[in-house]
Amino acid sequence: MNGAEEWRPKVVDGLLTRVVDDDLVVLDRQNEQIHRLNALSAFIVDQCDGTRSEQAIIDAIVERYDVERPVAAADAEAIIVQLRTLGILV
């Protein structure tokens, strides 16, 4: 590495979560929002504990869902961008 630290996504502190059916419901009381995430998005949120890089999360998706790495990478990147936009990840 060239001195730059690799980003390790983390769920924003203070969010409340509940599993409903196969989805994850995220309650953001500070911003008065509720988000319902599908199984893959919920899996990604679970991986975002601040210790794993985006590449490690992609590896976990490949292992868990038995998909090709390019597919997992495209899905993970799109979901992570959306989760950041929603204020779920930092």
PDB file of N, CA and C in Angstrom:
ATOM      1  N   MET A   1       0.833  -1.183   0.000  1.00  0.00           N
ATOM      2  CA  MET A   1       0.000   0.000   0.000  1.00  0.00           C
ATOM      3  C   MET A   1       0.872   1.237   0.000  1.00  0.00           C
ATOM      4  N   ASN A   2       0.338   2.296  -0.498  1.00  0.00           N
ATOM      5  CA  ASN A   2       1.105   3.524  -0.584  1.00  0.00           C
ATOM      6  C   ASN A   2       0.817   4.482   0.571  1.00  0.00           C
ATOM      7  N   GLY A   3       0.537   3.948   1.746  1.00  0.00           N
ATOM      8  CA  GLY A   3       0.271   4.782   2.905  1.00  0.00           C
ATOM      9  C   GLY A   3      -1.200   5.106   3.086  1.00  0.00           C
ATOM     10  N   ALA A   4      -2.006   4.918   2.053  1.00  0.00           N
ATOM     11  CA  ALA A   4      -3.439   5.165   2.177  1.00  0.00           C
ATOM     12  C   ALA A   4      -4.086   3.928   2.785  1.00  0.00           C
ATOM     13  N   GLU A   5      -4.921   4.151   3.771  1.00  0.00           N
ATOM     14  CA  GLU A   5      -5.599   3.048   4.421  1.00  0.00           C
ATOM     15  C   GLU A   5      -6.822   2.639   3.606  1.00  0.00           C
ATOM     16  N   GLU A   6      -7.061   1.341   3.495  1.00  0.00           N
ATOM     17  CA  GLU A   6      -8.220   0.843   2.757  1.00  0.00           C
ATOM     18  C   GLU A   6      -9.484   1.072   3.587  1.00  0.00           C
ATOM     19  N   TRP A   7     -10.533   1.588   2.941  1.00  0.00           N
ATOM     20  CA  TRP A   7     -11.787   1.870   3.627  1.00  0.00           C
ATOM     21  C   TRP A   7     -12.421   0.592   4.122  1.00  0.00           C
ATOM     22  N   ARG A   8     -12.896   0.617   5.347  1.00  0.00           N
ATOM     23  CA  ARG A   8     -13.579  -0.514   5.962  1.00  0.00           C
ATOM     24  C   ARG A   8     -14.952  -0.041   6.411  1.00  0.00           C
ATOM     25  N   PRO A   9     -15.984  -0.349   5.621  1.00  0.00           N
ATOM     26  CA  PRO A   9     -17.320   0.160   5.922  1.00  0.00           C
ATOM     27  C   PRO A   9     -17.828  -0.295   7.283  1.00  0.00           C
ATOM     28  N   LYS A  10     -18.587   0.589   7.915  1.00  0.00           N
ATOM     29  CA  LYS A  10     -19.132   0.327   9.241  1.00  0.00           C
ATOM     30  C   LYS A  10     -20.554   0.856   9.300  1.00  0.00           C
ATOM     31  N   VAL A  11     -21.415   0.125   9.998  1.00  0.00           N
ATOM     32  CA  VAL A  11     -22.794   0.569  10.206  1.00  0.00           C
ATOM     33  C   VAL A  11     -22.774   1.758  11.161  1.00  0.00           C
ATOM     34  N   VAL A  12     -23.576   2.756  10.850  1.00  0.00           N
ATOM     35  CA  VAL A  12     -23.686   3.951  11.674  1.00  0.00           C
ATOM     36  C   VAL A  12     -24.174   3.556  13.072  1.00  0.00           C
ATOM     37  N   ASP A  13     -23.564   4.129  14.090  1.00  0.00           N
ATOM     38  CA  ASP A  13     -23.993   3.875  15.461  1.00  0.00           C
ATOM     39  C   ASP A  13     -25.412   4.389  15.678  1.00  0.00           C
ATOM     40  N   GLY A  14     -26.163   3.687  16.505  1.00  0.00           N
ATOM     41  CA  GLY A  14     -27.487   4.148  16.899  1.00  0.00           C
ATOM     42  C   GLY A  14     -28.637   3.628  16.069  1.00  0.00           C
ATOM     43  N   LEU A  15     -28.360   2.866  15.012  1.00  0.00           N
ATOM     44  CA  LEU A  15     -29.439   2.300  14.214  1.00  0.00           C
ATOM     45  C   LEU A  15     -29.997   1.065  14.915  1.00  0.00           C
ATOM     46  N   LEU A  16     -31.294   0.889  14.843  1.00  0.00           N
ATOM     47  CA  LEU A  16     -31.940  -0.296  15.395  1.00  0.00           C
ATOM     48  C   LEU A  16     -32.302  -1.224  14.251  1.00  0.00           C
ATOM     49  N   THR A  17     -32.112  -2.525  14.447  1.00  0.00           N
ATOM     50  CA  THR A  17     -32.414  -3.485  13.388  1.00  0.00           C
ATOM     51  C   THR A  17     -33.283  -4.618  13.916  1.00  0.00           C
ATOM     52  N   ARG A  18     -34.113  -5.140  13.036  1.00  0.00           N
ATOM     53  CA  ARG A  18     -34.946  -6.302  13.318  1.00  0.00           C
ATOM     54  C   ARG A  18     -35.065  -7.118  12.038  1.00  0.00           C
ATOM     55  N   VAL A  19     -35.072  -8.432  12.186  1.00  0.00           N
ATOM     56  CA  VAL A  19     -35.312  -9.317  11.048  1.00  0.00           C
ATOM     57  C   VAL A  19     -36.817  -9.533  10.945  1.00  0.00           C
ATOM     58  N   VAL A  20     -37.348  -9.289   9.739  1.00  0.00           N
ATOM     59  CA  VAL A  20     -38.768  -9.498   9.456  1.00  0.00           C
ATOM     60  C   VAL A  20     -38.835 -10.357   8.207  1.00  0.00           C
ATOM     61  N   ASP A  21     -39.402 -11.546   8.354  1.00  0.00           N
ATOM     62  CA  ASP A  21     -39.389 -12.537   7.286  1.00  0.00           C
ATOM     63  C   ASP A  21     -37.921 -12.782   6.921  1.00  0.00           C
ATOM     64  N   ASP A  22     -37.533 -12.581   5.677  1.00  0.00           N
ATOM     65  CA  ASP A  22     -36.139 -12.766   5.279  1.00  0.00           C
ATOM     66  C   ASP A  22     -35.418 -11.439   5.098  1.00  0.00           C
ATOM     67  N   ASP A  23     -36.057 -10.360   5.479  1.00  0.00           N
ATOM     68  CA  ASP A  23     -35.492  -9.028   5.291  1.00  0.00           C
ATOM     69  C   ASP A  23     -34.984  -8.451   6.612  1.00  0.00           C
ATOM     70  N   LEU A  24     -34.162  -7.441   6.501  1.00  0.00           N
ATOM     71  CA  LEU A  24     -33.674  -6.716   7.666  1.00  0.00           C
ATOM     72  C   LEU A  24     -34.301  -5.327   7.644  1.00  0.00           C
ATOM     73  N   VAL A  25     -34.982  -4.985   8.715  1.00  0.00           N
ATOM     74  CA  VAL A  25     -35.572  -3.653   8.833  1.00  0.00           C
ATOM     75  C   VAL A  25     -34.630  -2.813   9.684  1.00  0.00           C
ATOM     76  N   VAL A  26     -34.269  -1.650   9.164  1.00  0.00           N
ATOM     77  CA  VAL A  26     -33.347  -0.743   9.840  1.00  0.00           C
ATOM     78  C   VAL A  26     -34.124   0.517  10.212  1.00  0.00           C
ATOM     79  N   LEU A  27     -34.116   0.842  11.500  1.00  0.00           N
ATOM     80  CA  LEU A  27     -34.779   2.043  11.985  1.00  0.00           C
ATOM     81  C   LEU A  27     -33.719   3.079  12.333  1.00  0.00           C
ATOM     82  N   ASP A  28     -33.796   4.190  11.639  1.00  0.00           N
ATOM     83  CA  ASP A  28     -32.895   5.317  11.873  1.00  0.00           C
ATOM     84  C   ASP A  28     -33.729   6.387  12.573  1.00  0.00           C
ATOM     85  N   ARG A  29     -33.725   6.358  13.912  1.00  0.00           N
ATOM     86  CA  ARG A  29     -34.567   7.293  14.673  1.00  0.00           C
ATOM     87  C   ARG A  29     -34.086   8.729  14.537  1.00  0.00           C
ATOM     88  N   GLN A  30     -32.785   8.916  14.404  1.00  0.00           N
ATOM     89  CA  GLN A  30     -32.249  10.277  14.294  1.00  0.00           C
ATOM     90  C   GLN A  30     -32.792  10.979  13.049  1.00  0.00           C
ATOM     91  N   ASN A  31     -32.866  10.256  11.936  1.00  0.00           N
ATOM     92  CA  ASN A  31     -33.349  10.837  10.682  1.00  0.00           C
ATOM     93  C   ASN A  31     -34.797  10.475  10.376  1.00  0.00           C
ATOM     94  N   GLU A  32     -35.446   9.797  11.321  1.00  0.00           N
ATOM     95  CA  GLU A  32     -36.851   9.404  11.183  1.00  0.00           C
ATOM     96  C   GLU A  32     -37.105   8.637   9.891  1.00  0.00           C
ATOM     97  N   GLN A  33     -36.293   7.597   9.668  1.00  0.00           N
ATOM     98  CA  GLN A  33     -36.429   6.785   8.465  1.00  0.00           C
ATOM     99  C   GLN A  33     -36.419   5.302   8.822  1.00  0.00           C
ATOM    100  N   ILE A  34     -37.139   4.530   8.021  1.00  0.00           N
ATOM    101  CA  ILE A  34     -37.144   3.075   8.133  1.00  0.00           C
ATOM    102  C   ILE A  34     -36.749   2.524   6.771  1.00  0.00           C
ATOM    103  N   HIS A  35     -35.832   1.550   6.772  1.00  0.00           N
ATOM    104  CA  HIS A  35     -35.377   0.933   5.530  1.00  0.00           C
ATOM    105  C   HIS A  35     -35.592  -0.576   5.655  1.00  0.00           C
ATOM    106  N   ARG A  36     -36.066  -1.195   4.586  1.00  0.00           N
ATOM    107  CA  ARG A  36     -36.228  -2.648   4.549  1.00  0.00           C
ATOM    108  C   ARG A  36     -35.237  -3.186   3.521  1.00  0.00           C
ATOM    109  N   LEU A  37     -34.313  -4.020   3.994  1.00  0.00           N
ATOM    110  CA  LEU A  37     -33.242  -4.542   3.145  1.00  0.00           C
ATOM    111  C   LEU A  37     -33.474  -6.011   2.820  1.00  0.00           C
ATOM    112  N   ASN A  38     -33.170  -6.389   1.573  1.00  0.00           N
ATOM    113  CA  ASN A  38     -33.292  -7.785   1.178  1.00  0.00           C
ATOM    114  C   ASN A  38     -32.142  -8.601   1.794  1.00  0.00           C
ATOM    115  N   ALA A  39     -32.145  -9.893   1.536  1.00  0.00           N
ATOM    116  CA  ALA A  39     -31.182 -10.797   2.172  1.00  0.00           C
ATOM    117  C   ALA A  39     -29.731 -10.436   1.852  1.00  0.00           C
ATOM    118  N   LEU A  40     -29.418 -10.105   0.592  1.00  0.00           N
ATOM    119  CA  LEU A  40     -28.038  -9.770   0.243  1.00  0.00           C
ATOM    120  C   LEU A  40     -27.613  -8.462   0.914  1.00  0.00           C
ATOM    121  N   SER A  41     -28.483  -7.470   0.887  1.00  0.00           N
ATOM    122  CA  SER A  41     -28.159  -6.209   1.555  1.00  0.00           C
ATOM    123  C   SER A  41     -27.970  -6.420   3.053  1.00  0.00           C
ATOM    124  N   ALA A  42     -28.812  -7.251   3.654  1.00  0.00           N
ATOM    125  CA  ALA A  42     -28.682  -7.554   5.085  1.00  0.00           C
ATOM    126  C   ALA A  42     -27.361  -8.259   5.372  1.00  0.00           C
ATOM    127  N   PHE A  43     -26.974  -9.182   4.494  1.00  0.00           N
ATOM    128  CA  PHE A  43     -25.694  -9.871   4.660  1.00  0.00           C
ATOM    129  C   PHE A  43     -24.543  -8.873   4.600  1.00  0.00           C
ATOM    130  N   ILE A  44     -24.612  -7.945   3.665  1.00  0.00           N
ATOM    131  CA  ILE A  44     -23.561  -6.931   3.544  1.00  0.00           C
ATOM    132  C   ILE A  44     -23.512  -6.062   4.796  1.00  0.00           C
ATOM    133  N   VAL A  45     -24.668  -5.633   5.288  1.00  0.00           N
ATOM    134  CA  VAL A  45     -24.710  -4.833   6.514  1.00  0.00           C
ATOM    135  C   VAL A  45     -24.056  -5.602   7.657  1.00  0.00           C
ATOM    136  N   ASP A  46     -24.347  -6.877   7.756  1.00  0.00           N
ATOM    137  CA  ASP A  46     -23.760  -7.708   8.815  1.00  0.00           C
ATOM    138  C   ASP A  46     -22.232  -7.763   8.711  1.00  0.00           C
ATOM    139  N   GLN A  47     -21.715  -7.716   7.496  1.00  0.00           N
ATOM    140  CA  GLN A  47     -20.269  -7.770   7.275  1.00  0.00           C
ATOM    141  C   GLN A  47     -19.582  -6.427   7.580  1.00  0.00           C
ATOM    142  N   CYS A  48     -20.347  -5.359   7.581  1.00  0.00           N
ATOM    143  CA  CYS A  48     -19.789  -3.999   7.728  1.00  0.00           C
ATOM    144  C   CYS A  48     -19.636  -3.631   9.199  1.00  0.00           C
ATOM    145  N   ASP A  49     -18.603  -4.199   9.818  1.00  0.00           N
ATOM    146  CA  ASP A  49     -18.356  -3.954  11.237  1.00  0.00           C
ATOM    147  C   ASP A  49     -17.127  -3.081  11.471  1.00  0.00           C
ATOM    148  N   GLY A  50     -16.583  -2.534  10.376  1.00  0.00           N
ATOM    149  CA  GLY A  50     -15.416  -1.676  10.491  1.00  0.00           C
ATOM    150  C   GLY A  50     -14.092  -2.416  10.473  1.00  0.00           C
ATOM    151  N   THR A  51     -14.139  -3.744  10.412  1.00  0.00           N
ATOM    152  CA  THR A  51     -12.896  -4.528  10.386  1.00  0.00           C
ATOM    153  C   THR A  51     -12.608  -5.126   9.016  1.00  0.00           C
ATOM    154  N   ARG A  52     -13.639  -5.219   8.169  1.00  0.00           N
ATOM    155  CA  ARG A  52     -13.480  -5.853   6.862  1.00  0.00           C
ATOM    156  C   ARG A  52     -13.415  -4.805   5.751  1.00  0.00           C
ATOM    157  N   SER A  53     -12.533  -5.037   4.803  1.00  0.00           N
ATOM    158  CA  SER A  53     -12.462  -4.172   3.625  1.00  0.00           C
ATOM    159  C   SER A  53     -13.593  -4.545   2.668  1.00  0.00           C
ATOM    160  N   GLU A  54     -13.824  -3.693   1.702  1.00  0.00           N
ATOM    161  CA  GLU A  54     -14.829  -3.996   0.689  1.00  0.00           C
ATOM    162  C   GLU A  54     -14.461  -5.286  -0.047  1.00  0.00           C
ATOM    163  N   GLN A  55     -13.183  -5.501  -0.296  1.00  0.00           N
ATOM    164  CA  GLN A  55     -12.737  -6.729  -0.970  1.00  0.00           C
ATOM    165  C   GLN A  55     -13.029  -7.965  -0.118  1.00  0.00           C
ATOM    166  N   ALA A  56     -12.849  -7.866   1.185  1.00  0.00           N
ATOM    167  CA  ALA A  56     -13.152  -8.989   2.085  1.00  0.00           C
ATOM    168  C   ALA A  56     -14.649  -9.277   2.091  1.00  0.00           C
ATOM    169  N   ILE A  57     -15.462  -8.237   2.011  1.00  0.00           N
ATOM    170  CA  ILE A  57     -16.915  -8.413   1.960  1.00  0.00           C
ATOM    171  C   ILE A  57     -17.309  -9.109   0.658  1.00  0.00           C
ATOM    172  N   ILE A  58     -16.676  -8.721  -0.438  1.00  0.00           N
ATOM    173  CA  ILE A  58     -16.933  -9.383  -1.720  1.00  0.00           C
ATOM    174  C   ILE A  58     -16.551 -10.858  -1.634  1.00  0.00           C
ATOM    175  N   ASP A  59     -15.409 -11.155  -1.027  1.00  0.00           N
ATOM    176  CA  ASP A  59     -14.997 -12.554  -0.837  1.00  0.00           C
ATOM    177  C   ASP A  59     -16.055 -13.335  -0.064  1.00  0.00           C
ATOM    178  N   ALA A  60     -16.612 -12.716   0.975  1.00  0.00           N
ATOM    179  CA  ALA A  60     -17.636 -13.376   1.790  1.00  0.00           C
ATOM    180  C   ALA A  60     -18.900 -13.651   0.970  1.00  0.00           C
ATOM    181  N   ILE A  61     -19.251 -12.714   0.097  1.00  0.00           N
ATOM    182  CA  ILE A  61     -20.422 -12.913  -0.768  1.00  0.00           C
ATOM    183  C   ILE A  61     -20.190 -14.081  -1.718  1.00  0.00           C
ATOM    184  N   VAL A  62     -19.008 -14.131  -2.333  1.00  0.00           N
ATOM    185  CA  VAL A  62     -18.669 -15.228  -3.252  1.00  0.00           C
ATOM    186  C   VAL A  62     -18.796 -16.564  -2.528  1.00  0.00           C
ATOM    187  N   GLU A  63     -18.274 -16.627  -1.314  1.00  0.00           N
ATOM    188  CA  GLU A  63     -18.316 -17.877  -0.544  1.00  0.00           C
ATOM    189  C   GLU A  63     -19.740 -18.233  -0.129  1.00  0.00           C
ATOM    190  N   ARG A  64     -20.484 -17.275   0.358  1.00  0.00           N
ATOM    191  CA  ARG A  64     -21.827 -17.535   0.884  1.00  0.00           C
ATOM    192  C   ARG A  64     -22.833 -17.862  -0.218  1.00  0.00           C
ATOM    193  N   TYR A  65     -22.774 -17.115  -1.326  1.00  0.00           N
ATOM    194  CA  TYR A  65     -23.802 -17.238  -2.359  1.00  0.00           C
ATOM    195  C   TYR A  65     -23.346 -18.005  -3.596  1.00  0.00           C
ATOM    196  N   ASP A  66     -22.077 -18.452  -3.600  1.00  0.00           N
ATOM    197  CA  ASP A  66     -21.557 -19.243  -4.709  1.00  0.00           C
ATOM    198  C   ASP A  66     -21.802 -18.554  -6.062  1.00  0.00           C
ATOM    199  N   VAL A  67     -21.344 -17.299  -6.157  1.00  0.00           N
ATOM    200  CA  VAL A  67     -21.457 -16.524  -7.388  1.00  0.00           C
ATOM    201  C   VAL A  67     -20.062 -16.161  -7.876  1.00  0.00           C
ATOM    202  N   GLU A  68     -19.968 -15.799  -9.136  1.00  0.00           N
ATOM    203  CA  GLU A  68     -18.691 -15.362  -9.699  1.00  0.00           C
ATOM    204  C   GLU A  68     -18.279 -14.035  -9.065  1.00  0.00           C
ATOM    205  N   ARG A  69     -16.978 -13.858  -8.879  1.00  0.00           N
ATOM    206  CA  ARG A  69     -16.469 -12.652  -8.227  1.00  0.00           C
ATOM    207  C   ARG A  69     -16.914 -11.358  -8.926  1.00  0.00           C
ATOM    208  N   PRO A  70     -16.884 -11.270 -10.274  1.00  0.00           N
ATOM    209  CA  PRO A  70     -17.328 -10.019 -10.910  1.00  0.00           C
ATOM    210  C   PRO A  70     -18.792  -9.675 -10.593  1.00  0.00           C
ATOM    211  N   VAL A  71     -19.629 -10.683 -10.510  1.00  0.00           N
ATOM    212  CA  VAL A  71     -21.038 -10.464 -10.165  1.00  0.00           C
ATOM    213  C   VAL A  71     -21.148  -9.988  -8.722  1.00  0.00           C
ATOM    214  N   ALA A  72     -20.446 -10.661  -7.815  1.00  0.00           N
ATOM    215  CA  ALA A  72     -20.463 -10.270  -6.398  1.00  0.00           C
ATOM    216  C   ALA A  72     -19.924  -8.861  -6.216  1.00  0.00           C
ATOM    217  N   ALA A  73     -18.867  -8.523  -6.935  1.00  0.00           N
ATOM    218  CA  ALA A  73     -18.261  -7.195  -6.810  1.00  0.00           C
ATOM    219  C   ALA A  73     -19.222  -6.115  -7.288  1.00  0.00           C
ATOM    220  N   ALA A  74     -19.861  -6.335  -8.424  1.00  0.00           N
ATOM    221  CA  ALA A  74     -20.804  -5.339  -8.943  1.00  0.00           C
ATOM    222  C   ALA A  74     -21.979  -5.143  -7.993  1.00  0.00           C
ATOM    223  N   ASP A  75     -22.525  -6.255  -7.499  1.00  0.00           N
ATOM    224  CA  ASP A  75     -23.651  -6.155  -6.565  1.00  0.00           C
ATOM    225  C   ASP A  75     -23.232  -5.472  -5.269  1.00  0.00           C
ATOM    226  N   ALA A  76     -22.104  -5.887  -4.709  1.00  0.00           N
ATOM    227  CA  ALA A  76     -21.633  -5.318  -3.442  1.00  0.00           C
ATOM    228  C   ALA A  76     -21.369  -3.826  -3.577  1.00  0.00           C
ATOM    229  N   GLU A  77     -20.704  -3.440  -4.633  1.00  0.00           N
ATOM    230  CA  GLU A  77     -20.383  -2.021  -4.818  1.00  0.00           C
ATOM    231  C   GLU A  77     -21.651  -1.181  -4.942  1.00  0.00           C
ATOM    232  N   ALA A  78     -22.629  -1.659  -5.696  1.00  0.00           N
ATOM    233  CA  ALA A  78     -23.883  -0.917  -5.858  1.00  0.00           C
ATOM    234  C   ALA A  78     -24.638  -0.822  -4.530  1.00  0.00           C
ATOM    235  N   ILE A  79     -24.692  -1.918  -3.798  1.00  0.00           N
ATOM    236  CA  ILE A  79     -25.411  -1.928  -2.516  1.00  0.00           C
ATOM    237  C   ILE A  79     -24.699  -1.051  -1.498  1.00  0.00           C
ATOM    238  N   ILE A  80     -23.387  -1.117  -1.436  1.00  0.00           N
ATOM    239  CA  ILE A  80     -22.634  -0.302  -0.479  1.00  0.00           C
ATOM    240  C   ILE A  80     -22.819   1.185  -0.768  1.00  0.00           C
ATOM    241  N   VAL A  81     -22.806   1.560  -2.039  1.00  0.00           N
ATOM    242  CA  VAL A  81     -23.054   2.969  -2.390  1.00  0.00           C
ATOM    243  C   VAL A  81     -24.452   3.381  -1.918  1.00  0.00           C
ATOM    244  N   GLN A  82     -25.437   2.529  -2.167  1.00  0.00           N
ATOM    245  CA  GLN A  82     -26.804   2.847  -1.760  1.00  0.00           C
ATOM    246  C   GLN A  82     -26.915   2.940  -0.235  1.00  0.00           C
ATOM    247  N   LEU A  83     -26.272   2.019   0.487  1.00  0.00           N
ATOM    248  CA  LEU A  83     -26.326   2.045   1.952  1.00  0.00           C
ATOM    249  C   LEU A  83     -25.649   3.295   2.510  1.00  0.00           C
ATOM    250  N   ARG A  84     -24.579   3.736   1.873  1.00  0.00           N
ATOM    251  CA  ARG A  84     -23.936   4.995   2.295  1.00  0.00           C
ATOM    252  C   ARG A  84     -24.849   6.188   2.030  1.00  0.00           C
ATOM    253  N   THR A  85     -25.491   6.185   0.872  1.00  0.00           N
ATOM    254  CA  THR A  85     -26.406   7.272   0.518  1.00  0.00           C
ATOM    255  C   THR A  85     -27.582   7.339   1.502  1.00  0.00           C
ATOM    256  N   LEU A  86     -28.058   6.185   1.949  1.00  0.00           N
ATOM    257  CA  LEU A  86     -29.165   6.132   2.903  1.00  0.00           C
ATOM    258  C   LEU A  86     -28.736   6.478   4.330  1.00  0.00           C
ATOM    259  N   GLY A  87     -27.435   6.579   4.546  1.00  0.00           N
ATOM    260  CA  GLY A  87     -26.935   6.906   5.881  1.00  0.00           C
ATOM    261  C   GLY A  87     -26.831   5.710   6.803  1.00  0.00           C
ATOM    262  N   ILE A  88     -26.792   4.504   6.222  1.00  0.00           N
ATOM    263  CA  ILE A  88     -26.664   3.281   7.016  1.00  0.00           C
ATOM    264  C   ILE A  88     -25.203   2.933   7.260  1.00  0.00           C
ATOM    265  N   LEU A  89     -24.342   3.253   6.293  1.00  0.00           N
ATOM    266  CA  LEU A  89     -22.904   2.966   6.410  1.00  0.00           C
ATOM    267  C   LEU A  89     -22.090   4.247   6.417  1.00  0.00           C
ATOM    268  N   VAL A  90     -20.963   4.163   7.095  1.00  0.00           N
ATOM    269  CA  VAL A  90     -19.947   5.240   7.046  1.00  0.00           C
ATOM    270  C   VAL A  90     -18.638   4.617   6.650  1.00  0.00           C
TER     271      VAL A  90
END
